[in-house]
Amino acid sequence: MSSPAVRTRPATAADVPAIVALEEDAFPLDPWSENLVRQGVDGTLPTVSYVVAELAGSFAGYAVVSVVDVDAELQRIAVTPPRRRAGAATALLAAVRGVAGEGGAARLLLEVREDNTPALRFYERHGFAELGRRPRYYRDGATAVVMSAPVTMGA
């Protein structure tokens, strides 16, 4: 028996409540407001794109990417707890790379908490390398690891 495929697509206004709820769960120290999410989804923020993952027809997670010139930044990526380890994060990262490539970016940047070992390993498996560190970057004083990966056209 095969597992259902993860599907990604651009976020719509109908996704905003699910994104906001997951934002609060995944980033409890610094969740983005519903207004900010809505602006990102509706295109009010010109460099920002939201991508949603669905698994078995239901919301599984989202990612946010900003593309400015040759750099793209993965600003957020989160998967609902029951959908973790099912390929949603990998599908979202692939979709983000696609958006970055279509926007002309040459590299994809991100920050991740130094103490988030599973995320660090995930990004390393997907071709990211450490670029530097930002001490006391997060509200609770944790250090951010800045990572970078090349973006290939059409990827």
N, C-alpha and C. Protein backbone atom coordinates (compact mmCIF):
# COMPACT_ATOMS: atom_id res chain seq x y z
N MET A 1 0.85 -1.18 0.00
CA MET A 1 0.00 0.00 0.00
C MET A 1 0.89 1.24 0.00
N SER A 2 0.70 2.12 -0.96
CA SER A 2 1.52 3.33 -1.04
C SER A 2 0.85 4.47 -0.29
N SER A 3 1.68 5.39 0.22
CA SER A 3 1.12 6.53 0.93
C SER A 3 0.69 7.59 -0.09
N PRO A 4 -0.28 8.42 0.29
CA PRO A 4 -0.75 9.45 -0.63
C PRO A 4 0.34 10.48 -0.90
N ALA A 5 0.32 11.04 -2.08
CA ALA A 5 1.31 12.03 -2.48
C ALA A 5 1.01 13.39 -1.87
N VAL A 6 2.07 14.11 -1.58
CA VAL A 6 1.94 15.49 -1.11
C VAL A 6 1.81 16.37 -2.34
N ARG A 7 0.86 17.29 -2.30
CA ARG A 7 0.65 18.23 -3.39
C ARG A 7 0.94 19.62 -2.85
N THR A 8 1.65 20.45 -3.63
CA THR A 8 1.88 21.84 -3.24
C THR A 8 1.20 22.76 -4.23
N ARG A 9 0.85 23.93 -3.73
CA ARG A 9 0.19 24.94 -4.55
C ARG A 9 0.35 26.30 -3.88
N PRO A 10 0.14 27.38 -4.65
CA PRO A 10 0.15 28.71 -4.02
C PRO A 10 -0.98 28.81 -2.99
N ALA A 11 -0.71 29.48 -1.89
CA ALA A 11 -1.73 29.68 -0.86
C ALA A 11 -2.80 30.62 -1.36
N THR A 12 -4.02 30.43 -0.84
CA THR A 12 -5.14 31.31 -1.15
C THR A 12 -5.70 31.89 0.16
N ALA A 13 -6.61 32.83 0.04
CA ALA A 13 -7.22 33.44 1.22
C ALA A 13 -7.88 32.39 2.11
N ALA A 14 -8.40 31.32 1.52
CA ALA A 14 -9.04 30.26 2.30
C ALA A 14 -8.05 29.53 3.20
N ASP A 15 -6.75 29.62 2.89
CA ASP A 15 -5.72 28.95 3.69
C ASP A 15 -5.28 29.76 4.90
N VAL A 16 -5.61 31.04 4.94
CA VAL A 16 -5.09 31.92 5.98
C VAL A 16 -5.38 31.40 7.39
N PRO A 17 -6.61 30.98 7.74
CA PRO A 17 -6.83 30.48 9.11
C PRO A 17 -5.95 29.29 9.48
N ALA A 18 -5.76 28.36 8.57
CA ALA A 18 -4.91 27.19 8.85
C ALA A 18 -3.46 27.60 9.00
N ILE A 19 -3.00 28.53 8.16
CA ILE A 19 -1.61 29.01 8.25
C ILE A 19 -1.40 29.72 9.59
N VAL A 20 -2.34 30.58 9.98
CA VAL A 20 -2.21 31.32 11.24
C VAL A 20 -2.19 30.35 12.43
N ALA A 21 -3.05 29.35 12.42
CA ALA A 21 -3.09 28.38 13.51
C ALA A 21 -1.77 27.61 13.61
N LEU A 22 -1.23 27.20 12.47
CA LEU A 22 0.04 26.48 12.48
C LEU A 22 1.19 27.42 12.85
N GLU A 23 1.12 28.65 12.42
CA GLU A 23 2.12 29.66 12.78
C GLU A 23 2.22 29.77 14.30
N GLU A 24 1.08 29.82 14.97
CA GLU A 24 1.06 29.96 16.43
C GLU A 24 1.60 28.71 17.11
N ASP A 25 1.35 27.55 16.51
CA ASP A 25 1.83 26.29 17.07
C ASP A 25 3.33 26.11 16.82
N ALA A 26 3.77 26.38 15.61
CA ALA A 26 5.16 26.13 15.22
C ALA A 26 6.13 27.20 15.71
N PHE A 27 5.65 28.43 15.86
CA PHE A 27 6.53 29.55 16.24
C PHE A 27 5.93 30.29 17.44
N PRO A 28 5.75 29.62 18.58
CA PRO A 28 5.03 30.23 19.70
C PRO A 28 5.69 31.48 20.28
N LEU A 29 7.02 31.61 20.12
CA LEU A 29 7.70 32.79 20.65
C LEU A 29 7.57 34.01 19.76
N ASP A 30 7.25 33.79 18.48
CA ASP A 30 7.20 34.91 17.55
C ASP A 30 6.27 34.62 16.36
N PRO A 31 5.00 34.32 16.62
CA PRO A 31 4.11 34.03 15.49
C PRO A 31 3.78 35.29 14.71
N TRP A 32 3.64 35.14 13.40
CA TRP A 32 3.22 36.25 12.58
C TRP A 32 1.72 36.45 12.74
N SER A 33 1.30 37.70 12.65
CA SER A 33 -0.11 38.03 12.83
C SER A 33 -0.95 37.59 11.64
N GLU A 34 -2.24 37.46 11.88
CA GLU A 34 -3.15 37.11 10.79
C GLU A 34 -3.09 38.15 9.68
N ASN A 35 -2.97 39.42 10.06
CA ASN A 35 -2.90 40.48 9.06
C ASN A 35 -1.66 40.33 8.17
N LEU A 36 -0.52 40.03 8.78
CA LEU A 36 0.71 39.86 8.00
C LEU A 36 0.60 38.65 7.07
N VAL A 37 0.06 37.55 7.59
CA VAL A 37 -0.13 36.35 6.76
C VAL A 37 -1.06 36.67 5.60
N ARG A 38 -2.16 37.35 5.89
CA ARG A 38 -3.13 37.69 4.84
C ARG A 38 -2.48 38.55 3.75
N GLN A 39 -1.66 39.52 4.15
CA GLN A 39 -0.97 40.37 3.18
C GLN A 39 -0.01 39.56 2.32
N GLY A 40 0.67 38.61 2.93
CA GLY A 40 1.59 37.77 2.17
C GLY A 40 0.86 36.88 1.18
N VAL A 41 -0.26 36.35 1.60
CA VAL A 41 -1.04 35.46 0.73
C VAL A 41 -1.71 36.23 -0.40
N ASP A 42 -2.20 37.44 -0.10
CA ASP A 42 -2.95 38.17 -1.14
C ASP A 42 -2.07 38.98 -2.09
N GLY A 43 -0.75 38.94 -1.88
CA GLY A 43 0.15 39.61 -2.81
C GLY A 43 0.46 41.05 -2.46
N THR A 44 0.01 41.53 -1.30
CA THR A 44 0.28 42.90 -0.89
C THR A 44 1.77 43.11 -0.62
N LEU A 45 2.46 42.06 -0.20
CA LEU A 45 3.89 42.14 0.05
C LEU A 45 4.58 41.65 -1.23
N PRO A 46 5.14 42.54 -2.03
CA PRO A 46 5.54 42.21 -3.40
C PRO A 46 6.58 41.12 -3.58
N THR A 47 7.47 40.91 -2.62
CA THR A 47 8.52 39.90 -2.82
C THR A 47 8.17 38.55 -2.21
N VAL A 48 7.03 38.47 -1.53
CA VAL A 48 6.70 37.31 -0.70
C VAL A 48 5.72 36.37 -1.40
N SER A 49 6.00 35.07 -1.28
CA SER A 49 5.09 34.03 -1.79
C SER A 49 4.86 32.99 -0.70
N TYR A 50 3.61 32.57 -0.56
CA TYR A 50 3.23 31.49 0.36
C TYR A 50 2.88 30.27 -0.47
N VAL A 51 3.38 29.12 -0.03
CA VAL A 51 3.09 27.85 -0.67
C VAL A 51 2.48 26.94 0.39
N VAL A 52 1.45 26.19 0.00
CA VAL A 52 0.77 25.27 0.91
C VAL A 52 1.01 23.85 0.44
N ALA A 53 1.14 22.93 1.41
CA ALA A 53 1.21 21.50 1.12
C ALA A 53 -0.09 20.86 1.57
N GLU A 54 -0.58 19.94 0.75
CA GLU A 54 -1.76 19.16 1.10
C GLU A 54 -1.39 17.68 1.03
N LEU A 55 -1.93 16.93 1.95
CA LEU A 55 -1.75 15.48 1.97
C LEU A 55 -3.12 14.87 2.17
N ALA A 56 -3.49 13.97 1.27
CA ALA A 56 -4.81 13.34 1.31
C ALA A 56 -5.92 14.40 1.31
N GLY A 57 -5.68 15.50 0.57
CA GLY A 57 -6.70 16.53 0.42
C GLY A 57 -6.83 17.50 1.56
N SER A 58 -5.99 17.39 2.59
CA SER A 58 -6.11 18.34 3.69
C SER A 58 -4.80 19.08 3.92
N PHE A 59 -4.90 20.24 4.53
CA PHE A 59 -3.77 21.12 4.81
C PHE A 59 -2.72 20.38 5.62
N ALA A 60 -1.48 20.40 5.14
CA ALA A 60 -0.39 19.71 5.83
C ALA A 60 0.70 20.67 6.29
N GLY A 61 0.78 21.86 5.69
CA GLY A 61 1.82 22.80 6.07
C GLY A 61 1.95 23.93 5.08
N TYR A 62 2.90 24.80 5.34
CA TYR A 62 3.11 25.95 4.46
C TYR A 62 4.57 26.38 4.53
N ALA A 63 4.96 27.16 3.53
CA ALA A 63 6.28 27.77 3.50
C ALA A 63 6.14 29.17 2.95
N VAL A 64 7.06 30.03 3.37
CA VAL A 64 7.08 31.42 2.91
C VAL A 64 8.47 31.71 2.36
N VAL A 65 8.50 32.26 1.16
CA VAL A 65 9.76 32.62 0.54
C VAL A 65 9.68 34.06 0.04
N SER A 66 10.79 34.76 0.20
CA SER A 66 10.91 36.12 -0.33
C SER A 66 12.04 36.10 -1.35
N VAL A 67 11.76 36.62 -2.54
CA VAL A 67 12.77 36.65 -3.60
C VAL A 67 13.08 38.11 -3.92
N VAL A 68 14.34 38.48 -3.75
CA VAL A 68 14.81 39.83 -4.07
C VAL A 68 16.10 39.68 -4.85
N ASP A 69 16.02 39.98 -6.14
CA ASP A 69 17.19 39.91 -7.01
C ASP A 69 17.75 38.50 -7.03
N VAL A 70 19.03 38.31 -6.74
CA VAL A 70 19.65 36.98 -6.84
C VAL A 70 19.51 36.15 -5.57
N ASP A 71 18.93 36.74 -4.52
CA ASP A 71 18.76 36.02 -3.26
C ASP A 71 17.29 35.73 -2.99
N ALA A 72 17.05 34.54 -2.51
CA ALA A 72 15.74 34.17 -2.00
C ALA A 72 15.94 33.77 -0.55
N GLU A 73 14.94 34.03 0.27
CA GLU A 73 15.03 33.66 1.68
C GLU A 73 13.82 32.82 2.05
N LEU A 74 14.09 31.65 2.58
CA LEU A 74 13.04 30.83 3.16
C LEU A 74 12.76 31.42 4.52
N GLN A 75 11.62 32.10 4.64
CA GLN A 75 11.31 32.81 5.88
C GLN A 75 10.61 31.93 6.90
N ARG A 76 9.80 31.01 6.43
CA ARG A 76 9.06 30.11 7.32
C ARG A 76 8.81 28.80 6.59
N ILE A 77 8.80 27.73 7.35
CA ILE A 77 8.34 26.44 6.84
C ILE A 77 7.83 25.68 8.06
N ALA A 78 6.63 25.14 7.95
CA ALA A 78 6.04 24.42 9.07
C ALA A 78 5.08 23.35 8.54
N VAL A 79 5.04 22.25 9.26
CA VAL A 79 4.16 21.14 8.91
C VAL A 79 3.34 20.79 10.15
N THR A 80 2.07 20.49 9.95
CA THR A 80 1.21 20.12 11.07
C THR A 80 1.74 18.85 11.73
N PRO A 81 1.66 18.74 13.06
CA PRO A 81 2.21 17.57 13.75
C PRO A 81 1.74 16.22 13.18
N PRO A 82 0.46 16.04 12.87
CA PRO A 82 0.08 14.71 12.36
C PRO A 82 0.61 14.41 10.95
N ARG A 83 1.09 15.42 10.24
CA ARG A 83 1.58 15.23 8.87
C ARG A 83 3.10 15.22 8.77
N ARG A 84 3.77 15.33 9.91
CA ARG A 84 5.23 15.32 9.89
C ARG A 84 5.75 13.94 9.51
N ARG A 85 6.94 13.93 8.90
CA ARG A 85 7.60 12.70 8.45
C ARG A 85 6.85 12.01 7.33
N ALA A 86 6.06 12.79 6.58
CA ALA A 86 5.30 12.22 5.45
C ALA A 86 5.71 12.86 4.12
N GLY A 87 6.76 13.66 4.12
CA GLY A 87 7.25 14.27 2.89
C GLY A 87 6.76 15.68 2.63
N ALA A 88 5.96 16.23 3.53
CA ALA A 88 5.42 17.58 3.29
C ALA A 88 6.52 18.64 3.30
N ALA A 89 7.44 18.58 4.25
CA ALA A 89 8.52 19.58 4.31
C ALA A 89 9.40 19.50 3.07
N THR A 90 9.69 18.29 2.62
CA THR A 90 10.50 18.12 1.42
C THR A 90 9.78 18.69 0.20
N ALA A 91 8.48 18.44 0.10
CA ALA A 91 7.69 18.98 -1.01
C ALA A 91 7.63 20.50 -0.95
N LEU A 92 7.46 21.06 0.25
CA LEU A 92 7.43 22.51 0.40
C LEU A 92 8.77 23.13 0.01
N LEU A 93 9.87 22.51 0.45
CA LEU A 93 11.18 23.03 0.11
C LEU A 93 11.40 23.00 -1.40
N ALA A 94 10.97 21.94 -2.05
CA ALA A 94 11.09 21.86 -3.52
C ALA A 94 10.26 22.96 -4.19
N ALA A 95 9.06 23.21 -3.66
CA ALA A 95 8.21 24.26 -4.23
C ALA A 95 8.85 25.64 -4.02
N VAL A 96 9.44 25.86 -2.86
CA VAL A 96 10.13 27.13 -2.58
C VAL A 96 11.30 27.31 -3.54
N ARG A 97 12.04 26.25 -3.77
CA ARG A 97 13.15 26.34 -4.74
C ARG A 97 12.63 26.70 -6.12
N GLY A 98 11.48 26.16 -6.49
CA GLY A 98 10.87 26.49 -7.77
C GLY A 98 10.50 27.96 -7.86
N VAL A 99 9.87 28.48 -6.80
CA VAL A 99 9.51 29.91 -6.77
C VAL A 99 10.77 30.76 -6.85
N ALA A 100 11.80 30.37 -6.11
CA ALA A 100 13.06 31.13 -6.12
C ALA A 100 13.68 31.13 -7.52
N GLY A 101 13.71 29.97 -8.15
CA GLY A 101 14.28 29.88 -9.50
C GLY A 101 13.49 30.69 -10.51
N GLU A 102 12.17 30.62 -10.42
CA GLU A 102 11.33 31.41 -11.33
C GLU A 102 11.53 32.90 -11.11
N GLY A 103 11.88 33.29 -9.89
CA GLY A 103 12.11 34.70 -9.57
C GLY A 103 13.52 35.16 -9.91
N GLY A 104 14.35 34.26 -10.43
CA GLY A 104 15.70 34.63 -10.83
C GLY A 104 16.75 34.53 -9.74
N ALA A 105 16.41 33.93 -8.60
CA ALA A 105 17.38 33.83 -7.51
C ALA A 105 18.46 32.81 -7.84
N ALA A 106 19.66 33.08 -7.36
CA ALA A 106 20.79 32.17 -7.54
C ALA A 106 21.04 31.34 -6.29
N ARG A 107 20.58 31.85 -5.12
CA ARG A 107 20.76 31.08 -3.90
C ARG A 107 19.56 31.26 -2.99
N LEU A 108 19.37 30.27 -2.14
CA LEU A 108 18.30 30.26 -1.16
C LEU A 108 18.94 30.30 0.22
N LEU A 109 18.56 31.29 1.01
CA LEU A 109 19.10 31.49 2.35
C LEU A 109 18.03 31.16 3.38
N LEU A 110 18.47 30.83 4.59
CA LEU A 110 17.54 30.64 5.70
C LEU A 110 18.29 30.76 7.00
N GLU A 111 17.55 30.97 8.08
CA GLU A 111 18.10 30.92 9.43
C GLU A 111 17.37 29.82 10.17
N VAL A 112 18.10 29.09 10.99
CA VAL A 112 17.51 28.04 11.81
C VAL A 112 18.17 28.08 13.18
N ARG A 113 17.40 27.77 14.19
CA ARG A 113 17.95 27.78 15.55
C ARG A 113 19.10 26.78 15.66
N GLU A 114 20.16 27.20 16.32
CA GLU A 114 21.33 26.35 16.52
C GLU A 114 20.97 25.06 17.27
N ASP A 115 19.96 25.12 18.11
CA ASP A 115 19.57 23.95 18.90
C ASP A 115 18.50 23.08 18.23
N ASN A 116 18.14 23.41 17.00
CA ASN A 116 17.14 22.63 16.27
C ASN A 116 17.85 21.60 15.38
N THR A 117 18.38 20.59 16.01
CA THR A 117 19.17 19.58 15.29
C THR A 117 18.39 18.90 14.16
N PRO A 118 17.13 18.50 14.37
CA PRO A 118 16.42 17.87 13.25
C PRO A 118 16.31 18.78 12.03
N ALA A 119 16.07 20.07 12.24
CA ALA A 119 15.96 21.00 11.11
C ALA A 119 17.32 21.19 10.44
N LEU A 120 18.36 21.32 11.23
CA LEU A 120 19.71 21.46 10.66
C LEU A 120 20.04 20.26 9.77
N ARG A 121 19.75 19.06 10.24
CA ARG A 121 20.03 17.85 9.46
C ARG A 121 19.17 17.81 8.20
N PHE A 122 17.91 18.22 8.32
CA PHE A 122 17.01 18.26 7.17
C PHE A 122 17.59 19.16 6.08
N TYR A 123 17.99 20.35 6.46
CA TYR A 123 18.53 21.29 5.48
C TYR A 123 19.84 20.78 4.88
N GLU A 124 20.69 20.19 5.71
CA GLU A 124 21.95 19.64 5.18
C GLU A 124 21.66 18.54 4.15
N ARG A 125 20.69 17.69 4.43
CA ARG A 125 20.31 16.63 3.47
C ARG A 125 19.83 17.21 2.15
N HIS A 126 19.33 18.44 2.20
CA HIS A 126 18.79 19.08 1.00
C HIS A 126 19.76 20.10 0.40
N GLY A 127 21.04 19.93 0.69
CA GLY A 127 22.07 20.72 0.01
C GLY A 127 22.43 22.05 0.63
N PHE A 128 21.95 22.34 1.83
CA PHE A 128 22.30 23.59 2.49
C PHE A 128 23.60 23.44 3.27
N ALA A 129 24.38 24.51 3.30
CA ALA A 129 25.62 24.55 4.07
C ALA A 129 25.60 25.79 4.95
N GLU A 130 26.27 25.69 6.09
CA GLU A 130 26.34 26.83 7.00
C GLU A 130 27.13 27.96 6.37
N LEU A 131 26.56 29.16 6.44
CA LEU A 131 27.18 30.36 5.92
C LEU A 131 27.75 31.20 7.06
N GLY A 132 27.11 31.14 8.22
CA GLY A 132 27.54 31.92 9.37
C GLY A 132 26.57 31.73 10.52
N ARG A 133 26.79 32.49 11.59
CA ARG A 133 25.93 32.42 12.77
C ARG A 133 25.58 33.82 13.24
N ARG A 134 24.40 33.93 13.80
CA ARG A 134 23.94 35.21 14.36
C ARG A 134 23.65 34.98 15.85
N PRO A 135 24.60 35.35 16.71
CA PRO A 135 24.37 35.16 18.15
C PRO A 135 23.17 35.98 18.64
N ARG A 136 22.46 35.41 19.58
CA ARG A 136 21.30 36.07 20.23
C ARG A 136 20.29 36.57 19.21
N TYR A 137 20.10 35.85 18.12
CA TYR A 137 19.21 36.27 17.04
C TYR A 137 17.74 36.14 17.43
N TYR A 138 17.41 35.09 18.14
CA TYR A 138 16.00 34.84 18.49
C TYR A 138 15.65 35.53 19.80
N ARG A 139 14.37 35.76 19.97
CA ARG A 139 13.85 36.50 21.12
C ARG A 139 14.34 35.91 22.45
N ASP A 140 14.49 34.59 22.51
CA ASP A 140 14.93 33.94 23.76
C ASP A 140 16.45 33.90 23.89
N GLY A 141 17.18 34.54 22.97
CA GLY A 141 18.63 34.60 23.04
C GLY A 141 19.36 33.51 22.28
N ALA A 142 18.63 32.59 21.65
CA ALA A 142 19.27 31.51 20.91
C ALA A 142 19.99 32.05 19.67
N THR A 143 21.02 31.34 19.27
CA THR A 143 21.81 31.68 18.09
C THR A 143 21.14 31.11 16.84
N ALA A 144 21.20 31.87 15.77
CA ALA A 144 20.71 31.40 14.47
C ALA A 144 21.87 30.94 13.63
N VAL A 145 21.68 29.81 12.95
CA VAL A 145 22.63 29.34 11.96
C VAL A 145 22.10 29.79 10.61
N VAL A 146 22.90 30.55 9.87
CA VAL A 146 22.53 31.00 8.54
C VAL A 146 23.02 29.96 7.55
N MET A 147 22.11 29.49 6.70
CA MET A 147 22.47 28.45 5.73
C MET A 147 22.13 28.92 4.34
N SER A 148 22.82 28.34 3.36
CA SER A 148 22.65 28.72 1.96
C SER A 148 22.72 27.48 1.09
N ALA A 149 21.94 27.51 0.01
CA ALA A 149 22.00 26.46 -1.00
C ALA A 149 21.81 27.12 -2.36
N PRO A 150 22.44 26.60 -3.39
CA PRO A 150 22.24 27.15 -4.73
C PRO A 150 20.83 26.85 -5.23
N VAL A 151 20.34 27.75 -6.06
CA VAL A 151 19.05 27.54 -6.73
C VAL A 151 19.36 27.31 -8.20
N THR A 152 18.88 26.22 -8.72
CA THR A 152 19.06 25.97 -10.15
C THR A 152 17.78 26.31 -10.87
N MET A 153 17.91 26.88 -12.04
CA MET A 153 16.73 27.26 -12.82
C MET A 153 15.85 26.04 -13.05
N GLY A 154 14.56 26.26 -12.83
CA GLY A 154 13.61 25.18 -13.05
C GLY A 154 13.57 24.17 -11.92
N ALA A 155 14.34 24.42 -10.85
CA ALA A 155 14.36 23.47 -9.72
C ALA A 155 13.29 23.79 -8.71
